[in-house]
Amino acid sequence: MKNLKINARITEVADTATRLLILFKRHPAIGDDTILKPLFAEIGTLAEQLSEVIKSDKTLSELDIADTVRGEAIRKFDKILQGYAAMPIETLQKPGAKLYEVFSKYGVKITRENYAVESAHIDSLLTDLAAPGLAGEISSLAGVTEAIEAIRTAQKSFNEKRVTYEQNIAAKNAKQKSAELKKMLLERVNTSLLPYLTSLKSMKSAGYSDFIEGVSQIIANTNSSISARRKKPNNDDTPAKKDGE
């Protein structure tokens, strides 16, 4: 039986482990095997931990996307106000200049701050823009109300995703990193499970043949996928956080 390739991605190792667990549960006749039972219990624990890490990494990626969206909303708002402030038409220039003065206390530079600081600045900006004294200026300029609402919506989405991310971080606190978990799962499969199944196959142990063939097929399918895809560097890297996070 061929080993699971060590250049498998973290997600591929997690998926393979999950499929092996499903296969084992479908063979209750060998469920009390003194080697396989504790081995699959360990594989199950490692696979669950790795899935939690993958889930957390995914929410970090979603958080980065949400941050990009709110940053873009800020930059669009800046351009809109600059356009109105430069208008040669007084009825547009005056309210535009007044709003741009409020926005200038924060500016596009806040999008380069870390998550916490940027969030605080955006919340303050939205509070300032909600002041009753600015309602007339905002309503008099086409597109400004919509631009402010876009910032508010993007900020809300970011905050929700940040809470989700932080919950996932708390859930996996003190757990090993994904690369370490991947290494441990590979070791259990390649140096514990497969050699044992190979020995059972050579002895033609009754009741194991279907399970052994199933394991062999799962490993072969994963290895085939690994060989077929174009190899890329840093497959296991997770998105980088902003400075200060």
Protein backbone atom coordinates (compact mmCIF):
# COMPACT_ATOMS: atom_id res chain seq x y z
CA MET A 1 0.00 0.00 0.00
CA LYS A 2 1.33 3.42 -0.96
CA ASN A 3 1.77 6.13 1.64
CA LEU A 4 -0.18 9.35 1.59
CA LYS A 5 2.10 11.90 -0.06
CA ILE A 6 3.81 14.21 2.40
CA ASN A 7 3.31 17.22 0.12
CA ALA A 8 -0.44 16.94 0.58
CA ARG A 9 -2.08 20.20 1.54
CA ILE A 10 -3.46 20.63 5.04
CA THR A 11 -7.01 20.51 3.68
CA GLU A 12 -6.21 17.32 1.73
CA VAL A 13 -4.86 15.60 4.83
CA ALA A 14 -7.92 16.64 6.86
CA ASP A 15 -10.27 15.44 4.12
CA THR A 16 -8.45 12.12 3.76
CA ALA A 17 -8.57 11.52 7.52
CA THR A 18 -12.30 12.26 7.56
CA ARG A 19 -12.96 9.79 4.74
CA LEU A 20 -10.89 7.12 6.50
CA LEU A 21 -12.93 7.63 9.65
CA ILE A 22 -16.18 7.24 7.72
CA LEU A 23 -14.89 4.06 6.13
CA PHE A 24 -13.87 2.62 9.51
CA LYS A 25 -17.32 3.30 10.96
CA ARG A 26 -18.87 1.45 8.02
CA HIS A 27 -17.05 -1.73 9.07
CA PRO A 28 -18.38 -2.47 12.58
CA ALA A 29 -17.08 -6.03 12.38
CA ILE A 30 -13.54 -4.72 12.85
CA GLY A 31 -14.51 -1.88 15.17
CA ASP A 32 -13.03 -3.60 18.23
CA ASP A 33 -9.68 -4.38 16.64
CA THR A 34 -7.14 -3.69 19.40
CA ILE A 35 -4.89 -1.74 17.03
CA LEU A 36 -7.41 0.02 14.81
CA LYS A 37 -9.84 1.15 17.52
CA PRO A 38 -7.42 3.36 19.50
CA LEU A 39 -5.63 4.43 16.32
CA PHE A 40 -8.81 5.72 14.70
CA ALA A 41 -9.82 7.39 17.95
CA GLU A 42 -6.56 9.34 17.77
CA ILE A 43 -6.96 10.05 14.06
CA GLY A 44 -10.46 11.34 14.77
CA THR A 45 -9.23 13.71 17.47
CA LEU A 46 -6.44 15.06 15.26
CA ALA A 47 -8.79 15.46 12.29
CA GLU A 48 -11.28 17.39 14.42
CA GLN A 49 -8.56 19.70 15.73
CA LEU A 50 -7.23 20.31 12.22
CA SER A 51 -10.72 21.08 10.95
CA GLU A 52 -11.09 23.73 13.66
CA VAL A 53 -7.78 25.31 12.59
CA ILE A 54 -8.87 25.29 8.94
CA LYS A 55 -12.19 26.88 9.93
CA SER A 56 -10.35 29.60 11.83
CA ASP A 57 -8.01 30.24 8.90
CA LYS A 58 -11.03 30.57 6.63
CA THR A 59 -12.65 33.16 8.90
CA LEU A 60 -9.39 35.13 8.90
CA SER A 61 -9.49 35.22 5.11
CA GLU A 62 -13.11 36.39 5.23
CA LEU A 63 -12.12 39.04 7.78
CA ASP A 64 -9.42 40.35 5.45
CA ILE A 65 -11.95 40.56 2.60
CA ALA A 66 -14.42 42.43 4.82
CA ASP A 67 -11.67 44.87 5.80
CA THR A 68 -10.85 45.45 2.13
CA VAL A 69 -14.52 46.18 1.39
CA ARG A 70 -14.82 48.80 4.13
CA GLY A 71 -11.52 50.36 3.06
CA GLU A 72 -12.83 50.68 -0.47
CA ALA A 73 -16.03 52.29 0.84
CA ILE A 74 -13.93 54.89 2.69
CA ARG A 75 -11.86 55.64 -0.41
CA LYS A 76 -14.97 56.07 -2.57
CA PHE A 77 -16.46 58.43 -0.01
CA ASP A 78 -13.26 60.46 -0.04
CA LYS A 79 -13.38 60.82 -3.84
CA ILE A 80 -17.05 61.80 -3.82
CA LEU A 81 -16.51 64.54 -1.24
CA GLN A 82 -13.38 65.82 -2.95
CA GLY A 83 -15.37 66.09 -6.16
CA TYR A 84 -18.14 68.10 -4.54
CA ALA A 85 -15.69 70.30 -2.61
CA ALA A 86 -14.00 71.23 -5.91
CA MET A 87 -17.27 72.00 -7.73
CA PRO A 88 -17.59 75.48 -9.24
CA ILE A 89 -21.28 75.41 -8.30
CA GLU A 90 -21.75 77.00 -4.88
CA THR A 91 -24.84 74.97 -3.93
CA LEU A 92 -22.74 71.83 -4.32
CA GLN A 93 -19.36 73.15 -3.26
CA LYS A 94 -20.38 74.54 0.12
CA PRO A 95 -22.03 71.40 1.54
CA GLY A 96 -19.34 69.29 -0.10
CA ALA A 97 -16.58 71.31 1.55
CA LYS A 98 -18.32 71.14 4.93
CA LEU A 99 -18.64 67.38 4.78
CA TYR A 100 -15.09 66.98 3.54
CA GLU A 101 -13.88 69.00 6.51
CA VAL A 102 -15.57 66.48 8.82
CA PHE A 103 -14.14 63.55 6.89
CA SER A 104 -10.64 65.07 6.84
CA LYS A 105 -10.32 64.56 10.60
CA TYR A 106 -10.02 60.87 9.74
CA GLY A 107 -9.08 60.63 6.07
CA VAL A 108 -8.17 57.65 3.92
CA LYS A 109 -5.15 57.04 6.16
CA ILE A 110 -7.37 55.25 8.68
CA THR A 111 -7.61 52.31 6.26
CA ARG A 112 -3.92 51.63 6.92
CA GLU A 113 -4.41 51.30 10.67
CA ASN A 114 -4.75 47.97 12.44
CA TYR A 115 -8.21 46.46 12.76
CA ALA A 116 -9.02 47.92 16.18
CA VAL A 117 -7.87 51.46 15.43
CA GLU A 118 -9.56 51.53 12.02
CA SER A 119 -12.81 50.29 13.54
CA ALA A 120 -12.73 52.99 16.22
CA HIS A 121 -12.10 55.72 13.65
CA ILE A 122 -14.89 54.51 11.35
CA ASP A 123 -17.35 54.37 14.25
CA SER A 124 -16.39 57.94 15.20
CA LEU A 125 -16.71 59.10 11.59
CA LEU A 126 -20.19 57.60 11.30
CA THR A 127 -21.19 59.26 14.58
CA ASP A 128 -19.96 62.64 13.34
CA LEU A 129 -21.80 62.25 10.05
CA ALA A 130 -25.01 61.39 11.89
CA ALA A 131 -25.01 64.79 13.64
CA PRO A 132 -28.31 66.67 13.00
CA GLY A 133 -26.41 69.71 11.73
CA LEU A 134 -25.14 67.78 8.71
CA ALA A 135 -28.44 66.26 7.59
CA GLY A 136 -29.13 69.07 5.13
CA GLU A 137 -25.69 68.90 3.53
CA ILE A 138 -25.88 65.12 3.15
CA SER A 139 -29.35 65.10 1.62
CA SER A 140 -28.47 67.89 -0.82
CA LEU A 141 -25.67 65.94 -2.49
CA ALA A 142 -26.56 63.01 -4.74
CA GLY A 143 -24.81 59.77 -3.79
CA VAL A 144 -23.55 60.90 -0.37
CA THR A 145 -26.30 59.20 1.64
CA GLU A 146 -25.64 55.97 -0.27
CA ALA A 147 -21.88 56.27 0.24
CA ILE A 148 -22.30 56.70 4.01
CA GLU A 149 -24.67 53.74 4.14
CA ALA A 150 -22.07 51.65 2.25
CA ILE A 151 -19.50 52.48 4.93
CA ARG A 152 -21.96 51.63 7.70
CA THR A 153 -22.89 48.30 6.08
CA ALA A 154 -19.25 47.37 5.48
CA GLN A 155 -18.35 48.25 9.06
CA LYS A 156 -21.18 46.10 10.42
CA SER A 157 -20.13 43.16 8.24
CA PHE A 158 -16.52 43.51 9.37
CA ASN A 159 -17.48 43.62 13.05
CA GLU A 160 -19.59 40.48 12.72
CA LYS A 161 -16.81 38.59 10.97
CA ARG A 162 -14.27 39.77 13.52
CA VAL A 163 -16.36 38.40 16.38
CA THR A 164 -16.69 35.08 14.52
CA TYR A 165 -12.94 34.97 13.98
CA GLU A 166 -12.19 35.74 17.62
CA GLN A 167 -14.63 33.04 18.75
CA ASN A 168 -12.83 30.52 16.56
CA ILE A 169 -9.47 31.63 17.91
CA ALA A 170 -10.73 31.12 21.45
CA ALA A 171 -12.05 27.68 20.53
CA LYS A 172 -8.69 26.53 19.24
CA ASN A 173 -6.66 28.28 21.95
CA ALA A 174 -3.76 26.14 23.17
CA LYS A 175 -4.17 23.71 20.28
CA GLN A 176 -1.31 22.88 17.99
CA LYS A 177 -0.80 24.72 14.76
CA SER A 178 -2.11 23.31 11.50
CA ALA A 179 1.30 22.26 10.16
CA GLU A 180 2.01 20.27 13.32
CA LEU A 181 -1.40 18.61 13.21
CA LYS A 182 -0.91 17.74 9.55
CA LYS A 183 2.45 16.16 10.36
CA MET A 184 0.94 14.10 13.18
CA LEU A 185 -1.94 12.89 10.99
CA LEU A 186 0.45 11.89 8.22
CA GLU A 187 2.52 9.95 10.74
CA ARG A 188 -0.54 8.08 12.07
CA VAL A 189 -1.65 7.17 8.57
CA ASN A 190 1.72 6.37 7.00
CA THR A 191 3.64 4.78 9.85
CA SER A 192 0.85 3.29 11.97
CA LEU A 193 -2.25 2.53 9.89
CA LEU A 194 -0.85 1.50 6.50
CA PRO A 195 1.92 -0.84 7.76
CA TYR A 196 -0.61 -2.63 9.98
CA LEU A 197 -3.06 -3.03 7.11
CA THR A 198 -0.25 -4.27 4.86
CA SER A 199 0.56 -6.98 7.37
CA LEU A 200 -3.11 -7.95 7.63
CA LYS A 201 -3.34 -8.14 3.87
CA SER A 202 -0.27 -10.37 3.60
CA MET A 203 -1.79 -12.72 6.20
CA LYS A 204 -5.14 -12.62 4.38
CA SER A 205 -6.92 -11.87 7.64
CA ALA A 206 -10.61 -12.64 7.40
CA GLY A 207 -13.04 -9.71 7.43
CA TYR A 208 -10.50 -7.02 6.62
CA SER A 209 -10.19 -7.21 2.84
CA ASP A 210 -12.95 -4.74 1.95
CA PHE A 211 -11.71 -2.24 4.52
CA ILE A 212 -8.11 -2.54 3.34
CA GLU A 213 -9.14 -2.02 -0.28
CA GLY A 214 -11.21 0.99 0.73
CA VAL A 215 -8.30 2.58 2.57
CA SER A 216 -6.01 1.90 -0.37
CA GLN A 217 -8.48 3.57 -2.74
CA ILE A 218 -8.90 6.65 -0.55
CA ILE A 219 -5.13 7.13 -0.33
CA ALA A 220 -4.76 6.53 -4.08
CA ASN A 221 -7.45 9.11 -4.88
CA THR A 222 -5.81 11.75 -2.71
CA ASN A 223 -2.37 11.03 -4.15
CA SER A 224 -3.81 11.26 -7.65
CA SER A 225 -5.27 14.69 -6.88
CA ILE A 226 -1.93 15.84 -5.48
CA SER A 227 -0.11 14.70 -8.61
CA ALA A 228 -2.67 16.26 -10.93
CA ARG A 229 -2.67 19.73 -9.47
CA ARG A 230 0.04 22.24 -10.24
CA LYS A 231 2.43 22.49 -7.31
CA LYS A 232 2.42 25.93 -5.74
CA PRO A 233 4.64 27.32 -2.95
CA ASN A 234 3.27 28.10 0.48
CA ASN A 235 0.17 25.97 0.07
CA ASP A 236 -0.30 25.89 3.82
CA ASP A 237 0.19 29.57 4.55
CA THR A 238 -2.67 31.46 6.15
CA PRO A 239 -3.49 35.09 5.33
CA ALA A 240 -1.34 37.66 7.11
CA LYS A 241 -2.95 39.92 9.66
CA LYS A 242 -2.57 43.66 9.66
CA ASP A 243 0.24 45.05 11.74
CA GLY A 244 -0.77 45.41 15.35
CA GLU A 245 -3.28 42.54 15.31
